[in-house]
């Protein structure tokens, strides 16, 4: 690590102390019963409830949601007398070929056949960067048939309690199946809240980013210049692009609901700025960090993120590192709930 590197270039620049008891282990009893910290451009944070969100927005604003749906991507099985599991990350070309994490990885070398469950097996085709494996399941079509029964909701590793209602790890607007993790900022929304916002003149549009490997991977380098994001598939449908353009024309603000939406919009905007054709669909490995110029996102609604994570780096890029870390320290002091099932934060740019 270079001790003379500027602030915001080292992973240690995005650390903060977090008591483990503040890591939410389950969703609130009712969807939407969460706290909301509002971080304005200047002045102290405001401490509200998520139910107060409509009052922080303006008629003409546009919420952009990620409509991805989490699949039961974790499959536990016995491999040669030992516990093993496959975590499906992304479908590759056909329903039987997937990139996945396999545990234990040392028993999943290329050429290995994994006897999974219920007559399903997987051949390890090759090892990919980041420790993932390319798998082909057989017999053909068997994985798609069995997955609802043998797969489990892939909760993050910091959640240790059993989820009684799997739908609580889905947003109410989840449509496009394929993610290995939920876009957790969207978990706070109910149908009633979306109707309230619509009645207040605040529309919403939907994009898709299939959440993949980087949700599960910590930053393993000291210097952020050396960190490489894995690519994820995204799509900004024509209806969403039309809604964004209309919001801009009427002077409304684009509110990204979650870091996955922010990555989607900023990746597409960067490609359009370069004149690339088809910028609203493809794959992105964009790493948003301090110094990034946001082209598409005016406000960011998100949860509280892990220390030393790429998501905390992104939030810091939006509202300023010191300002965000001060707000996080205040959230800890006030007992906010953190991470996937935790409370929400509405950030405005610095």
Protein backbone atom coordinates (compact mmCIF):
# COMPACT_ATOMS: atom_id res chain seq x y z
CA UNK A 1 0.00 0.00 0.00
CA UNK A 2 1.28 3.48 -0.85
CA UNK A 3 1.14 5.64 2.31
CA UNK A 4 1.33 8.77 0.16
CA UNK A 5 -1.73 7.88 -1.94
CA UNK A 6 -4.49 10.55 -1.83
CA UNK A 7 -7.49 10.11 0.47
CA UNK A 8 -10.17 8.02 -1.20
CA UNK A 9 -7.75 5.80 -3.13
CA UNK A 10 -7.22 3.17 -0.42
CA UNK A 11 -9.77 0.66 0.79
CA UNK A 12 -8.95 1.67 4.38
CA UNK A 13 -10.30 5.14 3.55
CA UNK A 14 -13.80 3.58 3.51
CA UNK A 15 -13.78 1.89 6.89
CA UNK A 16 -15.93 2.56 9.93
CA UNK A 17 -16.62 0.70 13.20
CA UNK A 18 -19.87 -1.26 13.21
CA UNK A 19 -21.17 -3.26 16.18
CA UNK A 20 -22.38 -6.66 14.98
CA UNK A 21 -25.71 -6.22 16.77
CA UNK A 22 -26.64 -3.51 14.25
CA UNK A 23 -26.48 -5.93 11.31
CA UNK A 24 -30.15 -6.66 10.60
CA UNK A 25 -30.80 -10.40 10.64
CA UNK A 26 -34.38 -10.27 9.40
CA UNK A 27 -36.69 -7.80 7.63
CA UNK A 28 -38.96 -5.54 9.69
CA UNK A 29 -42.25 -7.09 10.74
CA UNK A 30 -44.04 -5.13 8.00
CA UNK A 31 -42.45 -4.19 4.70
CA UNK A 32 -41.60 -0.49 4.72
CA UNK A 33 -41.43 -0.10 8.52
CA UNK A 34 -37.87 1.19 8.31
CA UNK A 35 -36.04 4.32 9.32
CA UNK A 36 -34.82 6.74 6.67
CA UNK A 37 -31.81 9.01 7.00
CA UNK A 38 -31.88 11.97 4.61
CA UNK A 39 -28.45 13.38 3.77
CA UNK A 40 -29.02 16.83 2.18
CA UNK A 41 -26.32 18.70 0.23
CA UNK A 42 -25.32 20.58 3.40
CA UNK A 43 -26.20 20.57 7.04
CA UNK A 44 -26.79 17.63 9.37
CA UNK A 45 -28.61 14.43 8.41
CA UNK A 46 -32.35 14.27 9.00
CA UNK A 47 -33.72 11.24 10.84
CA UNK A 48 -37.09 10.15 9.47
CA UNK A 49 -39.17 7.08 8.64
CA UNK A 50 -39.36 5.49 5.20
CA UNK A 51 -43.01 6.51 5.18
CA UNK A 52 -41.76 10.12 4.92
CA UNK A 53 -40.17 9.55 1.50
CA UNK A 54 -42.90 11.27 -0.59
CA UNK A 55 -42.29 14.52 1.28
CA UNK A 56 -38.60 14.49 0.28
CA UNK A 57 -39.39 14.26 -3.43
CA UNK A 58 -41.06 16.66 -5.84
CA UNK A 59 -43.82 16.29 -8.44
CA UNK A 60 -42.10 15.46 -11.70
CA UNK A 61 -39.33 13.40 -10.09
CA UNK A 62 -38.78 9.89 -11.42
CA UNK A 63 -37.93 6.84 -9.35
CA UNK A 64 -35.93 4.22 -11.25
CA UNK A 65 -36.29 0.69 -9.88
CA UNK A 66 -34.42 -2.54 -10.56
CA UNK A 67 -37.01 -5.18 -11.50
CA UNK A 68 -34.65 -8.14 -11.20
CA UNK A 69 -35.94 -11.18 -9.33
CA UNK A 70 -33.75 -13.34 -7.10
CA UNK A 71 -33.66 -17.01 -8.00
CA UNK A 72 -33.24 -19.78 -5.38
CA UNK A 73 -29.60 -19.85 -6.39
CA UNK A 74 -27.98 -21.77 -3.51
CA UNK A 75 -28.00 -25.56 -3.88
CA UNK A 76 -26.62 -27.61 -1.00
CA UNK A 77 -25.61 -31.23 -1.61
CA UNK A 78 -23.27 -34.04 -0.53
CA UNK A 79 -20.13 -34.42 -2.62
CA UNK A 80 -18.14 -37.56 -1.86
CA UNK A 81 -19.28 -37.59 1.77
CA UNK A 82 -18.69 -33.89 2.43
CA UNK A 83 -21.03 -30.91 2.56
CA UNK A 84 -20.87 -28.88 -0.64
CA UNK A 85 -22.84 -26.14 -2.32
CA UNK A 86 -23.25 -24.37 -5.64
CA UNK A 87 -24.23 -20.71 -5.80
CA UNK A 88 -25.58 -19.92 -9.25
CA UNK A 89 -24.44 -16.49 -10.43
CA UNK A 90 -25.33 -16.05 -14.07
CA UNK A 91 -26.80 -18.11 -16.90
CA UNK A 92 -24.46 -18.39 -19.86
CA UNK A 93 -26.07 -18.97 -23.23
CA UNK A 94 -28.56 -21.70 -22.34
CA UNK A 95 -30.57 -22.75 -19.26
CA UNK A 96 -28.10 -25.54 -18.38
CA UNK A 97 -24.85 -23.54 -18.45
CA UNK A 98 -24.03 -21.27 -15.53
CA UNK A 99 -21.22 -19.37 -13.90
CA UNK A 100 -21.25 -20.29 -10.22
CA UNK A 101 -19.32 -20.36 -7.00
CA UNK A 102 -18.64 -23.88 -5.76
CA UNK A 103 -17.71 -24.82 -2.21
CA UNK A 104 -15.27 -26.43 -1.55
CA UNK A 105 -13.58 -25.05 -4.64
CA UNK A 106 -10.58 -27.38 -4.47
CA UNK A 107 -12.91 -30.31 -5.21
CA UNK A 108 -14.36 -28.57 -8.28
CA UNK A 109 -11.46 -28.62 -10.72
CA UNK A 110 -12.15 -28.55 -14.47
CA UNK A 111 -13.24 -32.00 -15.60
CA UNK A 112 -14.93 -32.83 -12.28
CA UNK A 113 -18.51 -34.11 -12.25
CA UNK A 114 -20.56 -32.95 -9.28
CA UNK A 115 -23.43 -35.24 -8.34
CA UNK A 116 -25.83 -32.63 -7.10
CA UNK A 117 -29.32 -33.82 -6.07
CA UNK A 118 -32.37 -35.64 -7.38
CA UNK A 119 -30.61 -37.08 -10.42
CA UNK A 120 -29.02 -33.74 -11.31
CA UNK A 121 -25.30 -33.43 -11.96
CA UNK A 122 -22.97 -30.67 -13.12
CA UNK A 123 -19.75 -30.91 -15.12
CA UNK A 124 -17.09 -28.32 -14.29
CA UNK A 125 -16.11 -26.94 -17.69
CA UNK A 126 -13.48 -24.45 -16.57
CA UNK A 127 -12.34 -22.12 -13.84
CA UNK A 128 -13.10 -18.44 -14.30
CA UNK A 129 -11.42 -15.35 -12.78
CA UNK A 130 -12.41 -14.66 -9.20
CA UNK A 131 -12.70 -18.33 -8.30
CA UNK A 132 -16.00 -19.00 -10.03
CA UNK A 133 -16.63 -22.04 -12.21
CA UNK A 134 -18.40 -22.52 -15.53
CA UNK A 135 -20.83 -25.44 -14.99
CA UNK A 136 -23.03 -27.41 -17.36
CA UNK A 137 -25.96 -29.16 -15.70
CA UNK A 138 -27.53 -32.39 -16.94
CA UNK A 139 -29.77 -34.04 -17.93
CA UNK A 140 -30.83 -31.08 -20.12
CA UNK A 141 -33.65 -29.05 -18.58
CA UNK A 142 -33.39 -30.82 -15.24
CA UNK A 143 -31.96 -27.83 -13.36
CA UNK A 144 -34.78 -25.53 -14.46
CA UNK A 145 -37.31 -28.15 -13.41
CA UNK A 146 -35.78 -28.85 -9.98
CA UNK A 147 -34.49 -25.45 -8.90
CA UNK A 148 -37.68 -24.24 -7.18
CA UNK A 149 -37.56 -27.34 -4.95
CA UNK A 150 -33.85 -27.88 -4.33
CA UNK A 151 -32.61 -24.28 -4.36
CA UNK A 152 -32.55 -21.85 -1.45
CA UNK A 153 -32.70 -18.08 -1.33
CA UNK A 154 -29.04 -16.92 -1.39
CA UNK A 155 -28.96 -14.68 1.67
CA UNK A 156 -25.72 -12.76 2.27
CA UNK A 157 -23.16 -14.38 4.57
CA UNK A 158 -23.70 -11.83 7.34
CA UNK A 159 -27.33 -12.99 7.79
CA UNK A 160 -27.37 -15.99 10.10
CA UNK A 161 -31.07 -16.30 10.89
CA UNK A 162 -33.44 -18.36 8.76
CA UNK A 163 -35.76 -16.33 6.52
CA UNK A 164 -39.30 -17.49 7.25
CA UNK A 165 -40.85 -15.81 4.19
CA UNK A 166 -38.60 -15.99 1.09
CA UNK A 167 -40.71 -13.31 -0.64
CA UNK A 168 -39.37 -10.78 1.88
CA UNK A 169 -36.06 -11.03 -0.02
CA UNK A 170 -37.88 -9.99 -3.20
CA UNK A 171 -39.11 -6.55 -4.11
CA UNK A 172 -42.81 -6.10 -4.84
CA UNK A 173 -41.86 -5.14 -8.41
CA UNK A 174 -39.50 -8.09 -9.07
CA UNK A 175 -40.09 -9.45 -12.58
CA UNK A 176 -36.92 -10.51 -14.41
CA UNK A 177 -35.57 -13.70 -12.80
CA UNK A 178 -31.82 -14.14 -12.71
CA UNK A 179 -30.16 -12.41 -9.73
CA UNK A 180 -28.03 -13.99 -7.02
CA UNK A 181 -28.97 -11.18 -4.61
CA UNK A 182 -31.80 -8.73 -4.11
CA UNK A 183 -31.58 -5.02 -4.97
CA UNK A 184 -32.12 -4.32 -1.30
CA UNK A 185 -33.04 -0.62 -1.46
CA UNK A 186 -36.21 -1.73 -3.24
CA UNK A 187 -37.23 -4.02 -0.38
CA UNK A 188 -38.67 -1.03 1.52
CA UNK A 189 -41.34 -0.31 -1.10
CA UNK A 190 -44.91 -1.52 -0.86
CA UNK A 191 -47.58 -1.28 -3.52
CA UNK A 192 -49.27 1.31 -1.31
CA UNK A 193 -46.11 3.45 -1.22
CA UNK A 194 -45.77 3.32 -5.01
CA UNK A 195 -49.42 4.42 -5.30
CA UNK A 196 -48.82 7.31 -2.84
CA UNK A 197 -45.84 8.46 -4.87
CA UNK A 198 -47.79 8.25 -8.12
CA UNK A 199 -50.63 10.27 -6.62
CA UNK A 200 -48.06 12.91 -5.63
CA UNK A 201 -46.86 13.21 -9.23
CA UNK A 202 -43.76 11.06 -8.74
CA UNK A 203 -43.55 8.42 -11.45
CA UNK A 204 -41.43 5.30 -11.61
CA UNK A 205 -39.68 3.33 -14.32
CA UNK A 206 -37.91 -0.03 -14.28
CA UNK A 207 -34.49 -1.16 -15.47
CA UNK A 208 -32.77 -4.52 -14.96
CA UNK A 209 -29.35 -5.37 -13.60
CA UNK A 210 -28.78 -9.01 -12.70
CA UNK A 211 -26.87 -8.85 -9.42
CA UNK A 212 -23.86 -11.13 -9.52
CA UNK A 213 -20.52 -12.00 -7.99
CA UNK A 214 -19.37 -8.63 -6.65
CA UNK A 215 -22.22 -8.66 -4.14
CA UNK A 216 -20.42 -11.54 -2.41
CA UNK A 217 -16.79 -10.51 -2.93
CA UNK A 218 -14.88 -8.22 -0.55
CA UNK A 219 -12.26 -5.80 -1.81
CA UNK A 220 -9.02 -7.80 -1.47
CA UNK A 221 -6.55 -5.10 -2.46
CA UNK A 222 -5.28 -2.08 -0.54
CA UNK A 223 -5.18 0.24 -3.54
CA UNK A 224 -8.57 0.73 -5.23
CA UNK A 225 -6.79 1.24 -8.56
CA UNK A 226 -6.06 -2.49 -8.45
CA UNK A 227 -9.62 -3.64 -7.80
CA UNK A 228 -11.47 -5.15 -10.75
CA UNK A 229 -15.25 -5.45 -10.83
CA UNK A 230 -16.89 -8.48 -12.40
CA UNK A 231 -19.27 -7.67 -15.21
CA UNK A 232 -23.03 -7.91 -14.86
CA UNK A 233 -25.81 -7.86 -17.45
CA UNK A 234 -28.01 -4.77 -17.54
CA UNK A 235 -30.84 -3.36 -19.63
CA UNK A 236 -32.57 0.03 -19.81
CA UNK A 237 -35.82 -0.69 -21.69
CA UNK A 238 -37.15 1.84 -24.18
CA UNK A 239 -40.00 2.73 -21.79
CA UNK A 240 -37.50 3.59 -19.05
CA UNK A 241 -35.37 5.68 -21.41
CA UNK A 242 -38.48 7.57 -22.53
CA UNK A 243 -39.48 8.19 -18.90
CA UNK A 244 -35.99 9.45 -18.01
CA UNK A 245 -35.94 11.82 -20.97
CA UNK A 246 -39.43 13.08 -20.08
CA UNK A 247 -38.38 13.70 -16.46
CA UNK A 248 -35.40 15.72 -17.66
CA UNK A 249 -37.59 17.75 -20.02
CA UNK A 250 -39.98 18.73 -17.23
CA UNK A 251 -37.20 19.58 -14.77
CA UNK A 252 -37.68 16.47 -12.64
CA UNK A 253 -34.92 14.59 -10.87
CA UNK A 254 -33.88 11.00 -11.50
CA UNK A 255 -33.86 9.04 -8.24
CA UNK A 256 -31.88 5.79 -8.41
CA UNK A 257 -33.40 3.23 -6.04
CA UNK A 258 -30.28 1.34 -5.09
CA UNK A 259 -26.69 1.07 -6.17
CA UNK A 260 -27.61 -1.46 -8.87
CA UNK A 261 -29.80 1.14 -10.57
CA UNK A 262 -27.06 3.75 -10.21
CA UNK A 263 -24.57 1.39 -11.87
CA UNK A 264 -27.03 0.62 -14.67
CA UNK A 265 -27.80 4.26 -15.45
CA UNK A 266 -24.21 5.46 -15.15
CA UNK A 267 -22.88 2.58 -17.28
CA UNK A 268 -25.37 3.33 -20.03
CA UNK A 269 -24.67 7.07 -19.80
CA UNK A 270 -20.92 6.52 -20.07
CA UNK A 271 -21.36 4.36 -23.16
CA UNK A 272 -23.68 6.93 -24.75
CA UNK A 273 -21.14 9.66 -24.04
CA UNK A 274 -18.58 7.62 -25.98
CA UNK A 275 -21.02 7.26 -28.87
CA UNK A 276 -21.34 3.50 -28.48
CA UNK A 277 -24.35 1.94 -30.22
CA UNK A 278 -26.77 -0.05 -28.06
CA UNK A 279 -25.64 1.69 -24.87
CA UNK A 280 -28.86 0.86 -23.02
CA UNK A 281 -28.17 -2.88 -22.90
CA UNK A 282 -25.12 -5.04 -22.42
CA UNK A 283 -22.65 -5.80 -19.67
CA UNK A 284 -20.88 -3.47 -17.30
CA UNK A 285 -17.92 -3.68 -14.94
CA UNK A 286 -18.10 0.01 -14.03
CA UNK A 287 -16.45 0.86 -10.69
CA UNK A 288 -17.92 4.13 -9.41
CA UNK A 289 -15.50 5.79 -6.99
CA UNK A 290 -14.65 9.33 -5.88
CA UNK A 291 -13.92 11.46 -8.92
CA UNK A 292 -16.73 9.90 -10.97
CA UNK A 293 -18.97 12.48 -12.68
CA UNK A 294 -22.57 11.37 -12.35
CA UNK A 295 -24.39 11.95 -15.62
CA UNK A 296 -27.77 10.35 -14.94
CA UNK A 297 -28.45 10.08 -11.20
CA UNK A 298 -29.66 13.12 -9.21
CA UNK A 299 -30.62 11.40 -5.92
CA UNK A 300 -29.66 8.00 -4.55
CA UNK A 301 -31.84 5.90 -2.24
CA UNK A 302 -29.91 3.02 -0.73
CA UNK A 303 -29.27 0.98 2.40
CA UNK A 304 -26.23 1.23 4.69
CA UNK A 305 -23.30 -0.71 3.25
CA UNK A 306 -20.42 -2.82 4.51
CA UNK A 307 -17.17 -1.20 5.56
CA UNK A 308 -14.47 -1.32 2.86
CA UNK A 309 -17.00 -2.31 0.17
CA UNK A 310 -17.34 -1.10 -3.41
CA UNK A 311 -20.90 0.00 -2.54
CA UNK A 312 -19.69 2.30 0.21
CA UNK A 313 -17.10 3.63 -2.23
CA UNK A 314 -19.90 4.39 -4.72
CA UNK A 315 -22.04 6.17 -2.14
CA UNK A 316 -19.00 8.21 -1.11
CA UNK A 317 -18.46 9.18 -4.75
CA UNK A 318 -21.99 10.54 -4.82
CA UNK A 319 -22.11 12.56 -1.60
CA UNK A 320 -18.49 12.92 -0.49
CA UNK A 321 -16.40 10.47 1.52
CA UNK A 322 -16.07 12.40 4.77
CA UNK A 323 -19.71 13.47 4.70
CA UNK A 324 -20.90 9.89 4.15
CA UNK A 325 -18.60 8.43 6.81
CA UNK A 326 -19.75 11.06 9.31
CA UNK A 327 -23.36 10.12 8.53
CA UNK A 328 -22.55 6.44 8.99
CA UNK A 329 -20.96 7.12 12.36
CA UNK A 330 -24.09 9.03 13.37
CA UNK A 331 -26.26 6.12 12.14
CA UNK A 332 -24.26 3.74 14.33
CA UNK A 333 -24.68 6.04 17.31
CA UNK A 334 -28.45 6.21 16.76
CA UNK A 335 -28.85 2.45 16.37
CA UNK A 336 -29.84 2.25 12.69
CA UNK A 337 -30.14 -1.24 11.20
CA UNK A 338 -27.47 -2.03 8.62
CA UNK A 339 -27.14 -3.95 5.35
CA UNK A 340 -29.68 -5.94 3.33
CA UNK A 341 -32.60 -5.97 5.78
CA UNK A 342 -31.60 -2.67 7.36
CA UNK A 343 -32.76 0.92 7.18
CA UNK A 344 -32.59 3.28 4.21
CA UNK A 345 -30.71 6.44 3.31
CA UNK A 346 -31.63 9.12 0.76
CA UNK A 347 -28.53 10.93 -0.44
CA UNK A 348 -28.20 14.15 -2.39
CA UNK A 349 -24.97 15.03 -4.17
CA UNK A 350 -22.30 16.96 -2.34
